[in-house]
Protein backbone atom coordinates (compact mmCIF):
# COMPACT_ATOMS: atom_id res chain seq x y z
CA MET A 1 -30.14 -33.20 -77.34
CA THR A 2 -30.64 -31.34 -73.96
CA ASP A 3 -30.19 -32.77 -70.62
CA GLU A 4 -34.08 -32.07 -70.00
CA THR A 5 -34.89 -33.92 -73.42
CA ARG A 6 -32.67 -36.90 -73.32
CA PRO A 7 -34.30 -40.19 -71.90
CA PRO A 8 -33.16 -40.82 -68.59
CA ARG A 9 -30.19 -43.16 -68.21
CA GLY A 10 -30.92 -46.42 -66.98
CA GLY A 11 -28.51 -46.64 -63.75
CA GLY A 12 -24.80 -46.83 -62.92
CA GLU A 13 -24.50 -49.74 -65.50
CA GLU A 14 -25.47 -47.58 -68.54
CA GLU A 15 -23.19 -44.84 -67.18
CA VAL A 16 -20.19 -47.29 -66.99
CA PHE A 17 -21.17 -48.17 -70.57
CA VAL A 18 -21.10 -44.67 -71.58
CA ARG A 19 -17.61 -43.70 -70.00
CA GLN A 20 -16.16 -46.86 -71.17
CA ALA A 21 -17.31 -46.61 -74.80
CA GLY A 22 -17.23 -42.38 -74.73
CA ARG A 23 -13.24 -43.01 -73.59
CA ALA A 24 -12.85 -45.26 -76.03
CA PHE A 25 -14.05 -43.44 -79.03
CA LEU A 26 -12.05 -40.24 -77.76
CA LEU A 27 -8.92 -42.17 -77.78
CA THR A 28 -9.59 -43.47 -81.77
CA PHE A 29 -10.57 -39.96 -82.85
CA TYR A 30 -7.39 -38.73 -81.32
CA ALA A 31 -5.19 -41.11 -82.66
CA ALA A 32 -6.67 -40.94 -86.53
CA LEU A 33 -6.01 -37.11 -86.25
CA ARG A 34 -2.39 -37.69 -85.49
CA ALA A 35 -2.03 -40.63 -88.11
CA LEU A 36 -3.43 -38.37 -90.62
CA LYS A 37 -1.08 -35.66 -89.71
CA LEU A 38 2.00 -37.37 -90.09
CA TYR A 39 1.06 -39.82 -93.20
CA PRO A 40 -1.16 -39.49 -96.22
CA VAL A 41 -4.72 -40.65 -96.23
CA GLU A 42 -3.86 -43.82 -98.27
CA ASN A 43 -1.42 -44.99 -95.18
CA VAL A 44 -2.22 -48.40 -93.49
CA ALA A 45 -1.90 -46.47 -90.00
CA VAL A 46 -4.31 -43.88 -91.21
CA GLN A 47 -7.15 -46.61 -92.90
CA ARG A 48 -6.64 -48.44 -89.52
CA ALA A 49 -7.18 -45.55 -87.50
CA LEU A 50 -10.01 -44.15 -89.58
CA ASP A 51 -11.87 -47.95 -88.97
CA GLU A 52 -11.48 -47.80 -85.43
CA VAL A 53 -13.16 -44.27 -85.05
CA GLN A 54 -16.00 -45.84 -86.87
CA ALA A 55 -16.30 -48.99 -84.90
CA ALA A 56 -15.89 -46.61 -81.83
CA ALA A 57 -18.98 -44.64 -82.87
CA ARG A 58 -20.76 -47.51 -84.18
CA ALA A 59 -20.65 -49.24 -80.73
CA LEU A 60 -21.98 -45.72 -78.93
CA LEU A 61 -24.82 -45.05 -81.74
CA ALA A 62 -25.83 -48.91 -81.53
CA ARG A 63 -27.22 -48.50 -77.75
CA GLU A 64 -27.85 -44.27 -78.16
CA THR A 65 -29.71 -42.05 -80.35
CA GLU A 66 -26.61 -39.84 -80.95
CA LEU A 67 -23.06 -39.29 -79.75
CA GLU A 68 -22.93 -36.03 -77.97
CA LEU A 69 -19.48 -34.44 -76.93
CA ARG A 70 -19.69 -31.62 -75.45
CA LEU A 71 -17.33 -29.20 -73.68
CA ALA A 72 -17.67 -27.72 -70.42
CA GLY A 73 -14.80 -26.13 -68.94
CA ASP A 74 -11.85 -28.19 -68.85
CA PHE A 75 -13.94 -30.75 -68.69
CA LEU A 76 -15.39 -33.45 -71.52
CA PHE A 77 -18.97 -35.12 -71.51
CA ILE A 78 -20.32 -37.28 -73.74
CA ASN A 79 -24.51 -38.06 -73.91
CA GLY A 80 -24.01 -35.93 -70.17
CA THR A 81 -21.75 -38.48 -68.71
CA ARG A 82 -18.05 -36.53 -67.86
CA LEU A 83 -15.26 -38.77 -68.78
CA ARG A 84 -12.87 -38.75 -66.00
CA LEU A 85 -8.89 -37.59 -66.76
CA GLU A 86 -6.60 -40.25 -66.28
CA LEU A 87 -2.91 -40.62 -66.33
CA ASP A 88 -3.65 -42.99 -69.68
CA ASN A 89 -5.66 -40.30 -71.37
CA PHE A 90 -4.04 -36.99 -70.62
CA ALA A 91 -2.54 -36.32 -73.79
CA ALA A 92 -5.51 -37.48 -76.08
CA PHE A 93 -8.03 -35.27 -74.16
CA SER A 94 -5.45 -32.28 -73.18
CA ASN A 95 -4.76 -32.37 -77.23
CA LEU A 96 -8.57 -33.21 -78.21
CA LEU A 97 -9.48 -30.01 -75.62
CA THR A 98 -7.18 -27.97 -77.04
CA THR A 99 -8.19 -28.49 -81.02
CA LEU A 100 -11.82 -27.89 -80.09
CA ARG A 101 -11.24 -24.44 -78.53
CA GLY A 102 -8.92 -23.62 -81.06
CA PHE A 103 -12.14 -24.14 -83.49
CA GLU A 104 -14.40 -22.08 -80.89
CA ILE A 105 -16.30 -25.87 -80.59
CA GLY A 106 -18.98 -26.16 -77.97
CA VAL A 107 -20.85 -29.17 -78.97
CA PHE A 108 -19.85 -32.35 -81.56
CA ARG A 109 -22.70 -34.38 -82.45
CA THR A 110 -22.73 -37.80 -84.36
CA HIS A 111 -26.11 -39.25 -85.81
CA THR A 112 -26.59 -42.91 -86.93
CA GLY A 113 -26.17 -43.58 -90.12
CA VAL A 114 -22.74 -41.86 -90.13
CA GLU A 115 -20.33 -43.37 -92.92
CA ARG A 116 -16.42 -43.76 -92.59
CA ARG A 117 -15.49 -41.23 -95.39
CA GLU A 118 -17.29 -38.74 -93.08
CA TRP A 119 -14.59 -38.84 -90.37
CA GLN A 120 -12.19 -39.19 -92.98
CA ALA A 121 -13.21 -35.26 -94.20
CA LEU A 122 -13.71 -34.15 -90.65
CA LEU A 123 -10.32 -35.11 -90.34
CA SER A 124 -8.79 -33.56 -93.03
CA ILE A 125 -10.48 -30.59 -92.82
CA LEU A 126 -9.69 -29.71 -89.02
CA LEU A 127 -5.87 -30.26 -90.06
CA SER A 128 -6.15 -28.35 -93.25
CA ILE A 129 -7.74 -24.96 -91.33
CA ALA A 130 -5.37 -25.40 -88.42
CA ALA A 131 -2.19 -25.76 -90.85
CA ASP A 132 -3.73 -22.00 -92.23
CA PRO A 133 -2.35 -19.18 -90.75
CA ALA A 134 -5.04 -17.05 -92.90
CA VAL A 135 -8.02 -18.46 -91.49
CA GLY A 136 -9.23 -16.12 -89.03
CA ASP A 137 -12.95 -17.79 -87.91
CA ARG A 138 -11.95 -21.62 -87.56
CA TYR A 139 -15.36 -22.37 -86.35
CA THR A 140 -16.89 -20.68 -89.87
CA ALA A 141 -14.65 -22.16 -92.00
CA LEU A 142 -15.07 -25.64 -90.38
CA VAL A 143 -19.13 -25.52 -90.97
CA GLU A 144 -18.80 -24.25 -94.64
CA ARG A 145 -16.64 -26.65 -95.59
CA LEU A 146 -17.98 -29.78 -94.00
CA GLY A 147 -21.36 -28.31 -95.56
CA GLN A 148 -19.20 -28.56 -98.96
CA ALA A 149 -17.92 -31.91 -98.21
CA GLN A 150 -21.34 -33.52 -97.82
CA VAL A 151 -21.01 -34.91 -94.09
CA PRO A 152 -25.00 -35.18 -93.03
CA HIS A 153 -24.60 -36.90 -89.80
CA LEU A 154 -22.00 -34.90 -87.98
CA ASP A 155 -23.03 -31.30 -86.74
CA PHE A 156 -21.75 -28.78 -84.42
CA GLU A 157 -22.10 -25.74 -82.37
CA PRO A 158 -19.88 -22.93 -81.27
CA GLN A 159 -19.07 -22.51 -77.72
CA SER A 160 -21.09 -19.10 -77.35
CA ALA A 161 -24.39 -20.68 -77.90
CA ILE A 162 -23.25 -23.23 -74.80
CA ASN A 163 -22.08 -20.53 -72.88
CA GLU A 164 -25.89 -18.82 -73.28
CA GLU A 165 -27.05 -22.08 -72.34
CA LEU A 166 -25.62 -21.81 -68.72
CA THR A 167 -27.76 -20.44 -66.51
CA ALA A 168 -26.97 -17.56 -64.25
CA GLN A 169 -26.12 -19.55 -61.14
CA GLU A 170 -24.04 -21.92 -63.46
CA SER A 171 -22.14 -19.09 -64.54
CA ARG A 172 -21.26 -17.46 -61.13
CA GLU A 173 -20.33 -21.00 -60.14
CA MET A 174 -17.81 -21.31 -62.82
CA ALA A 175 -16.14 -18.10 -62.55
CA LYS A 176 -15.64 -18.98 -58.48
CA ARG A 177 -13.99 -22.18 -59.85
CA THR A 178 -11.84 -20.34 -61.92
CA TYR A 179 -10.72 -17.77 -59.48
CA ALA A 180 -10.20 -20.45 -56.64
CA GLN A 181 -7.95 -22.73 -59.26
CA GLY A 182 -5.89 -19.07 -60.26
CA VAL A 183 -4.94 -18.58 -56.44
CA ALA A 184 -3.99 -22.22 -55.85
CA VAL A 185 -1.76 -22.03 -58.84
CA THR A 186 0.04 -18.76 -58.00
CA LYS A 187 0.47 -20.16 -54.57
CA GLU A 188 1.80 -23.19 -55.51
CA VAL A 189 4.58 -21.47 -57.92
CA VAL A 190 5.20 -18.83 -55.16
CA ASN A 191 5.84 -21.13 -52.48
CA SER A 192 7.98 -23.47 -54.77
CA ILE A 193 10.14 -20.44 -55.61
CA ARG A 194 10.35 -19.49 -51.81
CA LEU A 195 11.71 -22.96 -51.18
CA GLY A 196 13.80 -23.05 -53.99
CA ARG A 197 11.99 -25.95 -55.95
CA THR A 198 11.18 -26.42 -59.71
CA SER A 199 7.77 -25.16 -60.43
CA SER A 200 5.84 -26.42 -63.29
CA VAL A 201 4.70 -23.36 -65.58
CA LYS A 202 2.11 -25.59 -67.35
CA LYS A 203 -0.35 -25.55 -64.48
CA VAL A 204 -0.09 -21.28 -64.98
CA LYS A 205 -1.18 -21.50 -68.50
CA ARG A 206 -3.66 -23.65 -67.62
CA ALA A 207 -5.04 -21.28 -65.25
CA VAL A 208 -4.52 -18.37 -67.37
CA GLN A 209 -6.26 -19.77 -70.17
CA MET A 210 -9.11 -20.37 -68.15
CA ILE A 211 -9.60 -16.93 -66.75
CA VAL A 212 -9.21 -15.48 -70.14
CA ASP A 213 -11.99 -17.65 -71.75
CA GLN A 214 -14.29 -16.57 -68.46
CA VAL A 215 -13.48 -12.68 -69.25
CA LEU A 216 -14.42 -13.55 -73.18
CA THR A 217 -17.66 -15.13 -71.87
CA ASN A 218 -18.54 -14.04 -68.47
CA GLU A 219 -16.71 -11.16 -67.71
CA THR A 220 -19.21 -9.68 -64.91
CA SER A 221 -19.14 -12.55 -62.81
CA ILE A 222 -15.16 -12.89 -62.57
CA VAL A 223 -14.39 -9.40 -62.73
CA GLY A 224 -17.00 -8.90 -59.54
CA LEU A 225 -14.77 -11.60 -57.71
CA THR A 226 -11.75 -9.17 -57.69
CA THR A 227 -13.74 -7.14 -54.78
CA LEU A 228 -13.84 -10.37 -52.56
CA ARG A 229 -10.50 -9.98 -51.21
CA ASP A 230 -9.10 -12.16 -48.71
CA TYR A 231 -6.81 -10.03 -46.36
CA ASP A 232 -4.24 -13.19 -45.54
CA GLU A 233 -3.91 -14.50 -49.02
CA TYR A 234 -3.37 -11.13 -50.70
CA THR A 235 -0.27 -11.97 -52.11
CA PHE A 236 -2.03 -14.56 -54.34
CA THR A 237 -5.40 -13.22 -54.74
CA HIS A 238 -4.14 -10.11 -55.68
CA SER A 239 -1.91 -11.25 -58.72
CA VAL A 240 -5.29 -13.10 -59.99
CA ASN A 241 -7.26 -9.74 -59.32
CA VAL A 242 -4.44 -7.86 -61.58
CA CYS A 243 -4.71 -10.83 -64.14
CA ILE A 244 -8.14 -10.31 -64.23
CA PHE A 245 -8.10 -7.06 -64.65
CA SER A 246 -5.04 -6.64 -66.96
CA VAL A 247 -7.22 -9.44 -69.45
CA ALA A 248 -10.33 -7.51 -69.32
CA LEU A 249 -8.68 -4.15 -70.31
CA GLY A 250 -6.64 -6.17 -72.68
CA ARG A 251 -10.17 -7.22 -74.32
CA LYS A 252 -11.25 -3.54 -74.05
CA ILE A 253 -8.76 -2.13 -76.00
CA GLY A 254 -9.23 -4.91 -78.98
CA LEU A 255 -6.12 -7.63 -78.21
CA THR A 256 -6.63 -10.88 -79.66
CA LYS A 257 -7.25 -13.81 -77.70
CA LEU A 258 -3.90 -15.17 -78.55
CA GLN A 259 -2.43 -11.84 -77.20
CA LEU A 260 -4.96 -11.87 -74.02
CA TYR A 261 -3.22 -15.35 -73.16
CA ASP A 262 0.00 -13.82 -73.38
CA LEU A 263 -1.06 -10.83 -71.27
CA GLY A 264 -2.57 -13.13 -68.80
CA MET A 265 0.73 -14.77 -68.50
CA THR A 266 2.41 -11.68 -67.76
CA ALA A 267 0.14 -10.50 -65.09
CA LEU A 268 -0.55 -13.33 -63.05
CA LEU A 269 3.36 -13.89 -62.80
CA HIS A 270 4.32 -9.95 -62.30
CA ASP A 271 5.03 -10.03 -58.67
CA ILE A 272 6.52 -13.13 -59.02
CA GLY A 273 9.74 -11.15 -57.28
CA LYS A 274 8.04 -11.32 -54.03
CA ALA A 275 8.74 -14.67 -53.27
CA LYS A 276 12.19 -13.91 -53.09
CA ILE A 277 11.13 -10.89 -50.19
CA PRO A 278 11.20 -11.97 -46.54
CA ILE A 279 7.51 -12.51 -45.64
CA GLU A 280 8.40 -10.64 -42.66
CA VAL A 281 9.33 -7.76 -44.71
CA LEU A 282 6.16 -8.03 -47.15
CA ASN A 283 3.52 -8.35 -43.38
CA LYS A 284 4.93 -5.44 -41.72
CA THR A 285 2.26 -3.45 -40.16
CA SER A 286 4.65 -0.17 -39.49
CA GLY A 287 6.52 1.68 -41.63
CA LEU A 288 9.33 -0.25 -43.67
CA ALA A 289 12.68 1.05 -42.38
CA GLU A 290 15.27 2.01 -45.53
CA GLU A 291 16.92 -0.94 -46.14
CA GLU A 292 13.43 -3.15 -45.97
CA TRP A 293 12.22 -0.39 -48.64
CA ARG A 294 14.87 -1.27 -50.56
CA LEU A 295 13.63 -4.74 -50.56
CA ILE A 296 10.39 -3.95 -51.69
CA GLN A 297 11.71 -1.85 -54.89
CA ALA A 298 13.96 -4.98 -55.42
CA HIS A 299 10.98 -7.27 -56.57
CA PRO A 300 10.56 -6.23 -59.94
CA TRP A 301 13.93 -6.85 -61.10
CA ARG A 302 14.41 -9.98 -58.59
CA GLY A 303 11.23 -11.03 -60.36
CA ALA A 304 12.65 -10.83 -63.98
CA MET A 305 15.57 -13.21 -62.97
CA VAL A 306 13.20 -15.66 -61.47
CA LEU A 307 11.19 -15.61 -64.76
CA PHE A 308 15.04 -15.81 -66.54
CA GLY A 309 15.65 -19.09 -64.89
CA LEU A 310 12.55 -20.64 -65.30
CA ARG A 311 13.03 -19.95 -69.28
CA THR A 312 15.80 -22.29 -69.76
CA TYR A 313 12.64 -24.92 -69.55
CA ASP A 314 11.14 -22.88 -72.64
CA GLU A 315 8.18 -22.29 -70.67
CA ILE A 316 8.72 -18.96 -70.19
CA PRO A 317 8.20 -16.25 -73.21
CA TYR A 318 9.71 -13.12 -73.06
CA LYS A 319 6.89 -10.55 -72.01
CA PRO A 320 6.16 -11.63 -68.55
CA ILE A 321 10.04 -11.07 -67.62
CA LEU A 322 10.04 -7.59 -69.21
CA VAL A 323 6.55 -6.76 -67.70
CA ALA A 324 7.83 -8.37 -64.18
CA HIS A 325 10.53 -5.75 -64.63
CA GLU A 326 8.64 -2.97 -65.82
CA HIS A 327 5.46 -2.77 -64.34
CA HIS A 328 5.88 -0.27 -61.06
CA MET A 329 7.97 2.01 -63.88
CA LYS A 330 5.94 5.27 -64.74
CA THR A 331 5.33 6.57 -67.79
CA ASP A 332 8.07 8.97 -67.59
CA LEU A 333 10.30 6.64 -66.11
CA THR A 334 10.50 8.02 -62.54
CA GLY A 335 9.17 4.72 -60.96
CA TYR A 336 11.55 1.85 -59.69
CA PRO A 337 13.90 0.25 -60.94
CA ARG A 338 15.37 3.02 -62.07
CA SER A 339 16.08 2.84 -66.04
CA ILE A 340 19.37 3.43 -67.26
CA ARG A 341 18.63 4.56 -70.72
CA PRO A 342 15.54 6.28 -72.27
CA ARG A 343 12.84 3.92 -72.98
CA THR A 344 9.24 3.30 -73.92
CA LEU A 345 7.14 1.05 -71.29
CA GLY A 346 5.58 -2.17 -73.50
CA ILE A 347 1.56 -1.99 -74.02
CA PHE A 348 1.48 -5.17 -71.51
CA SER A 349 3.65 -3.43 -69.08
CA ARG A 350 1.26 -0.12 -69.14
CA LEU A 351 -1.84 -2.35 -68.87
CA VAL A 352 -0.48 -4.38 -66.02
CA ALA A 353 0.90 -1.17 -64.34
CA VAL A 354 -3.01 0.35 -64.09
CA ALA A 355 -4.26 -2.86 -63.04
CA ASP A 356 -1.81 -3.24 -60.09
CA GLY A 357 -2.32 -0.09 -58.79
CA PHE A 358 -5.84 0.00 -58.76
CA ASP A 359 -6.32 -3.41 -57.23
CA ALA A 360 -3.33 -2.87 -54.39
CA ALA A 361 -5.19 0.55 -53.84
CA THR A 362 -8.59 -0.73 -52.91
CA THR A 363 -7.09 -4.04 -51.10
CA ARG A 364 -6.82 -3.86 -47.15
CA ARG A 365 -3.17 -5.24 -46.83
CA ALA A 366 -0.99 -5.45 -43.35
CA TYR A 367 0.26 -1.83 -43.67
CA GLN A 368 -2.88 -0.59 -45.34
CA THR A 369 -5.85 -1.30 -43.24
CA ILE A 370 -8.55 0.96 -44.69
CA PRO A 371 -8.39 0.57 -48.25
CA ILE A 372 -9.35 3.35 -50.63
CA GLU A 373 -12.61 3.63 -52.20
CA PRO A 374 -12.68 2.78 -55.73
CA ASP A 375 -14.08 6.01 -57.01
CA GLN A 376 -11.41 7.85 -55.46
CA VAL A 377 -8.42 5.44 -56.65
CA LEU A 378 -9.56 6.04 -59.74
CA ARG A 379 -10.17 9.63 -59.54
CA GLU A 380 -6.43 9.61 -58.35
CA MET A 381 -5.26 7.59 -61.17
CA TRP A 382 -6.71 9.62 -63.52
CA THR A 383 -6.33 13.31 -62.75
CA ASN A 384 -2.59 13.29 -60.59
CA PRO A 385 0.05 12.98 -63.22
CA ARG A 386 2.59 11.96 -60.41
CA ARG A 387 1.26 8.90 -60.46
CA GLY A 388 2.61 8.07 -64.04
CA TYR A 389 -0.06 5.56 -65.35
CA ASP A 390 -1.01 5.51 -68.91
CA PRO A 391 -4.00 7.88 -69.12
CA ILE A 392 -5.67 6.11 -71.89
CA ILE A 393 -5.58 2.56 -69.98
CA VAL A 394 -6.74 4.40 -67.07
CA LYS A 395 -10.04 5.90 -68.93
CA ALA A 396 -10.57 2.15 -70.34
CA LEU A 397 -10.71 1.26 -66.72
CA ILE A 398 -13.07 3.39 -65.73
CA ASN A 399 -15.22 2.44 -68.57
CA LEU A 400 -14.86 -1.12 -67.95
CA ILE A 401 -15.77 -0.87 -64.41
CA GLY A 402 -17.37 2.15 -64.09
CA VAL A 403 -17.18 4.72 -61.71
CA TYR A 404 -18.42 2.82 -58.79
CA PRO A 405 -17.02 -0.77 -59.40
CA ILE A 406 -18.62 -4.17 -58.84
CA GLY A 407 -19.34 -5.05 -55.22
CA THR A 408 -18.94 -1.61 -53.98
CA CYS A 409 -21.50 -0.68 -51.05
CA VAL A 410 -23.11 2.37 -51.78
CA ILE A 411 -25.94 4.45 -49.76
CA LEU A 412 -28.33 5.89 -51.95
CA ASP A 413 -30.41 9.17 -51.68
CA THR A 414 -33.90 6.89 -50.43
CA PHE A 415 -31.80 5.24 -47.67
CA ASP A 416 -31.50 2.22 -49.27
CA VAL A 417 -27.61 0.30 -48.73
CA ALA A 418 -27.12 -1.42 -52.32
CA ILE A 419 -24.30 -3.26 -53.97
CA VAL A 420 -22.91 -2.12 -57.01
CA ALA A 421 -23.67 -5.52 -59.56
CA GLN A 422 -22.80 -4.21 -63.01
CA ALA A 423 -21.20 -1.40 -64.57
CA ASN A 424 -23.97 0.96 -67.16
CA PRO A 425 -22.96 0.06 -70.21
CA ASP A 426 -23.73 3.58 -71.50
CA ARG A 427 -21.11 5.63 -71.04
CA GLU A 428 -23.05 8.38 -70.61
CA TYR A 429 -24.01 6.96 -67.25
CA LEU A 430 -20.70 5.71 -65.60
CA ASN A 431 -21.87 6.93 -62.28
CA ARG A 432 -25.34 4.94 -62.38
CA PRO A 433 -24.57 1.51 -62.63
CA LEU A 434 -27.22 -1.03 -62.04
CA VAL A 435 -27.29 -2.11 -58.36
CA ARG A 436 -29.28 -4.20 -55.95
CA VAL A 437 -31.13 -2.98 -52.40
CA ALA A 438 -29.70 -5.27 -49.75
CA ILE A 439 -31.10 -2.92 -47.00
CA ASP A 440 -34.15 -1.51 -47.06
CA PRO A 441 -34.62 2.24 -45.64
CA TYR A 442 -36.04 0.75 -42.47
CA GLY A 443 -32.91 -1.23 -41.63
CA ALA A 444 -34.41 -4.58 -43.03
CA THR A 445 -32.01 -6.81 -44.80
CA VAL A 446 -33.67 -8.19 -47.81
CA ALA A 447 -32.91 -11.50 -49.42
CA PRO A 448 -30.25 -11.95 -51.82
CA PRO A 449 -29.64 -11.36 -54.53
CA GLY A 450 -31.28 -8.31 -53.45
CA ILE A 451 -33.89 -5.75 -55.56
CA PRO A 452 -32.36 -4.73 -58.80
CA VAL A 453 -32.62 -0.91 -58.83
CA ASP A 454 -32.45 1.27 -62.66
CA LEU A 455 -30.57 4.17 -61.43
CA THR A 456 -31.05 6.04 -64.76
CA GLU A 457 -34.70 5.96 -64.12
CA ARG A 458 -36.45 9.13 -64.15
CA HIS A 459 -39.05 11.09 -62.58
CA ALA A 460 -42.04 12.59 -65.27
CA ASP A 461 -40.08 16.01 -64.23
CA GLY A 462 -36.79 14.67 -65.78
CA GLY A 463 -34.73 13.98 -62.33
CA PHE A 464 -33.72 11.08 -61.36
CA VAL A 465 -35.91 8.59 -59.31
CA ARG A 466 -33.06 7.28 -57.22
CA SER A 467 -28.91 8.30 -57.07
CA ILE A 468 -26.24 7.52 -54.97
CA VAL A 469 -25.07 9.71 -52.13
CA LYS A 470 -22.29 7.90 -50.48
CA VAL A 471 -20.05 4.70 -50.79
CA THR A 472 -19.69 2.91 -47.74
CA ASN A 473 -17.71 0.06 -46.05
CA PRO A 474 -19.94 -2.88 -46.24
CA ASP A 475 -18.22 -4.42 -42.85
CA ARG A 476 -20.30 -1.65 -41.43
CA TYR A 477 -23.83 -3.51 -42.26
CA ASP A 478 -22.21 -7.16 -41.74
CA LEU A 479 -23.04 -7.94 -45.43
CA ILE A 480 -21.40 -10.65 -47.54
CA VAL A 481 -21.22 -8.68 -50.60
CA GLY A 482 -20.86 -11.72 -53.14
CA ASP A 483 -24.56 -12.86 -52.02
CA TYR A 484 -26.00 -9.65 -53.91
CA PHE A 485 -24.09 -9.96 -57.23
CA LEU A 486 -22.76 -13.56 -57.71
């Protein structure tokens, strides 16, 4: 049942009831899941927990036509009412979110007439599938086993179906929230390390999970946000951008979702060593003295030491430590820090190095007030072996973002000024992305989101109707780039 077909609420009192009853249902559901995990089904505690789940579901179904649990980002909704995350329900809600995401469940519905045995079957199947590493597609396995168990009053929808229901605007807003959360978490961690305080990595993990989920479901919007850089927040936005690019590249080369989580963690923390570099050195606008340059070159091994220190809390795996140390080493090991003995850079280090190099070169910073145009950066990374990037990963980056990345401001041969909105999925037309005209040939501004233009459109004689002739700085036209593609 969608929000459009669901009967209107009877006011604030009805919403309060749904929130309280929904909260009670989820807490009993979690308690039953935990009890069945610890004890056999005949145990008194399990039987009591199943009774409580059935009672909580009936309480809701007595006043509602159905019980719908829906996931939206980091939030849980019962019949369209968002459940508040509070201290006493934090563990239950967090574990349920993790479980539902692990099964790629977007919506879970319970219908009037549900029987107690159906709850027992559902909980047992969830636990058996979760404990079986041989199961690849958990959602499909869940649906198949529930069908065999005959539970007619319970049904599910996959997360992919829910993502398709999101409007373009909702997708953009979710991408923006995810990006902002990543920047805020990175700032908190870096500032804590600068002040010598202990920093929780749990928030970093949650931010990375959100970024990975966005890349998997809403790649265009989240990658597009990497072009909206904040000069004053470079240290933090750079880390988030590298995380997004790295995860998108990892997806491009076929890494699994769990591997993408690990990759995202390493990418978000790759520059953590800069927290140990004086801010006046990081923000210096003139050339660096030799001693200052040595400080900059020390940030990889300083980052490895910082992360190794956090490892005592069993929160940081081995890979982020390695990538923090290796991300400025070139493929021939001529970068920094110098390698004492021969080594082969890991795939995560090579992915992060490419993402880091691209974002750094295309961003305005204290000592680089005029960033290099993205197409020039990609050409240099691809053609100049002295840059030391893995050519296969650079090629994957070009295939991912196109010759003209999202957000690039271009001038067409028709004298229109346009913003690149999406890379062309056809590899034959990497230099012909989807663009949106923001300024017409007469200088008049076109209201966002602009006029979509297909640069692959041809005349009858075979020639292209429009082509890009120049990449330009959007500031020259006083454009808010994001309005035209986000």
